């Protein structure tokens, strides 16, 4: 995750908070809801990017373990999907 992406997610979260507060101030449930949705979307994007960074660093530190896990997941998926 680049620094720009992190800054963008934080900016979107702040914009969402402002939109939510505006909706409360002018008694507009639509703006309030849109603000909440924008905040949660930014937080989710930030969490996903952090998880991807974590997976990337783990796979770089232990590539054989990562390969074994991926092979196991692929084997289980093939077994489950092959039964249908």
Protein backbone atom coordinates (compact mmCIF):
# COMPACT_ATOMS: atom_id res chain seq x y z
CA UNK A 1 0.00 0.00 0.00
CA UNK A 2 1.49 3.27 -1.03
CA UNK A 3 1.58 6.36 1.08
CA UNK A 4 -0.79 7.99 -1.42
CA UNK A 5 -3.35 5.20 -0.93
CA UNK A 6 -3.19 5.54 2.84
CA UNK A 7 -3.60 9.30 2.60
CA UNK A 8 -6.51 8.91 0.20
CA UNK A 9 -8.28 6.45 2.52
CA UNK A 10 -7.81 8.79 5.48
CA UNK A 11 -9.05 11.75 3.42
CA UNK A 12 -12.14 9.82 2.32
CA UNK A 13 -12.80 8.88 5.94
CA UNK A 14 -12.56 12.55 6.96
CA UNK A 15 -14.84 13.63 4.10
CA UNK A 16 -17.34 10.99 5.18
CA UNK A 17 -17.26 12.24 8.76
CA UNK A 18 -17.86 15.79 7.54
CA UNK A 19 -20.72 14.65 5.33
CA UNK A 20 -22.27 12.76 8.23
CA UNK A 21 -22.03 15.82 10.49
CA UNK A 22 -23.53 18.02 7.77
CA UNK A 23 -26.42 15.59 7.45
CA UNK A 24 -27.01 15.79 11.20
CA UNK A 25 -26.81 19.59 11.18
CA UNK A 26 -29.30 20.08 8.35
CA UNK A 27 -31.45 17.12 9.39
CA UNK A 28 -30.75 15.19 6.18
CA UNK A 29 -30.75 11.44 6.79
CA UNK A 30 -29.58 10.92 3.20
CA UNK A 31 -26.37 12.92 3.69
CA UNK A 32 -25.82 11.39 7.10
CA UNK A 33 -26.10 7.87 5.69
CA UNK A 34 -23.86 8.68 2.71
CA UNK A 35 -21.26 10.03 5.12
CA UNK A 36 -21.36 6.89 7.25
CA UNK A 37 -21.07 4.68 4.17
CA UNK A 38 -18.08 6.68 2.90
CA UNK A 39 -16.37 6.39 6.29
CA UNK A 40 -16.89 2.64 6.49
CA UNK A 41 -15.76 2.11 2.89
CA UNK A 42 -12.54 4.03 3.59
CA UNK A 43 -11.90 2.04 6.77
CA UNK A 44 -12.55 -1.23 4.92
CA UNK A 45 -10.18 -0.22 2.12
CA UNK A 46 -7.52 0.66 4.68
CA UNK A 47 -7.98 -2.70 6.45
CA UNK A 48 -7.82 -4.68 3.20
CA UNK A 49 -4.67 -2.86 2.11
CA UNK A 50 -3.07 -3.56 5.50
CA UNK A 51 -3.99 -7.23 5.25
CA UNK A 52 -2.50 -7.45 1.77
CA UNK A 53 0.69 -5.80 3.01
CA UNK A 54 0.85 -8.35 5.83
CA UNK A 55 0.38 -11.27 3.43
CA UNK A 56 3.03 -9.85 1.12
CA UNK A 57 5.58 -9.53 3.90
CA UNK A 58 4.80 -13.03 5.24
CA UNK A 59 5.21 -14.60 1.81
CA UNK A 60 8.50 -12.80 1.30
CA UNK A 61 9.80 -13.96 4.68
CA UNK A 62 8.70 -17.60 4.32
CA UNK A 63 8.07 -18.47 0.66
CA UNK A 64 8.09 -22.27 1.13
CA UNK A 65 5.54 -22.15 3.93
CA UNK A 66 3.37 -19.85 1.81
CA UNK A 67 3.63 -22.21 -1.14
CA UNK A 68 2.64 -25.18 1.04
CA UNK A 69 -0.38 -23.30 2.41
CA UNK A 70 -1.47 -22.25 -1.08
CA UNK A 71 -1.13 -25.85 -2.32
CA UNK A 72 -3.22 -27.08 0.61
CA UNK A 73 -5.93 -24.52 0.01
CA UNK A 74 -5.96 -25.39 -3.70
CA UNK A 75 -6.21 -29.10 -2.91
CA UNK A 76 -9.14 -28.55 -0.52
CA UNK A 77 -10.91 -26.28 -3.00
CA UNK A 78 -10.50 -28.89 -5.73
CA UNK A 79 -11.91 -31.59 -3.47
CA UNK A 80 -14.89 -29.50 -2.43
CA UNK A 81 -15.70 -28.24 -5.92
CA UNK A 82 -15.07 -31.62 -7.53
CA UNK A 83 -17.84 -33.27 -5.49
CA UNK A 84 -20.61 -31.23 -7.07
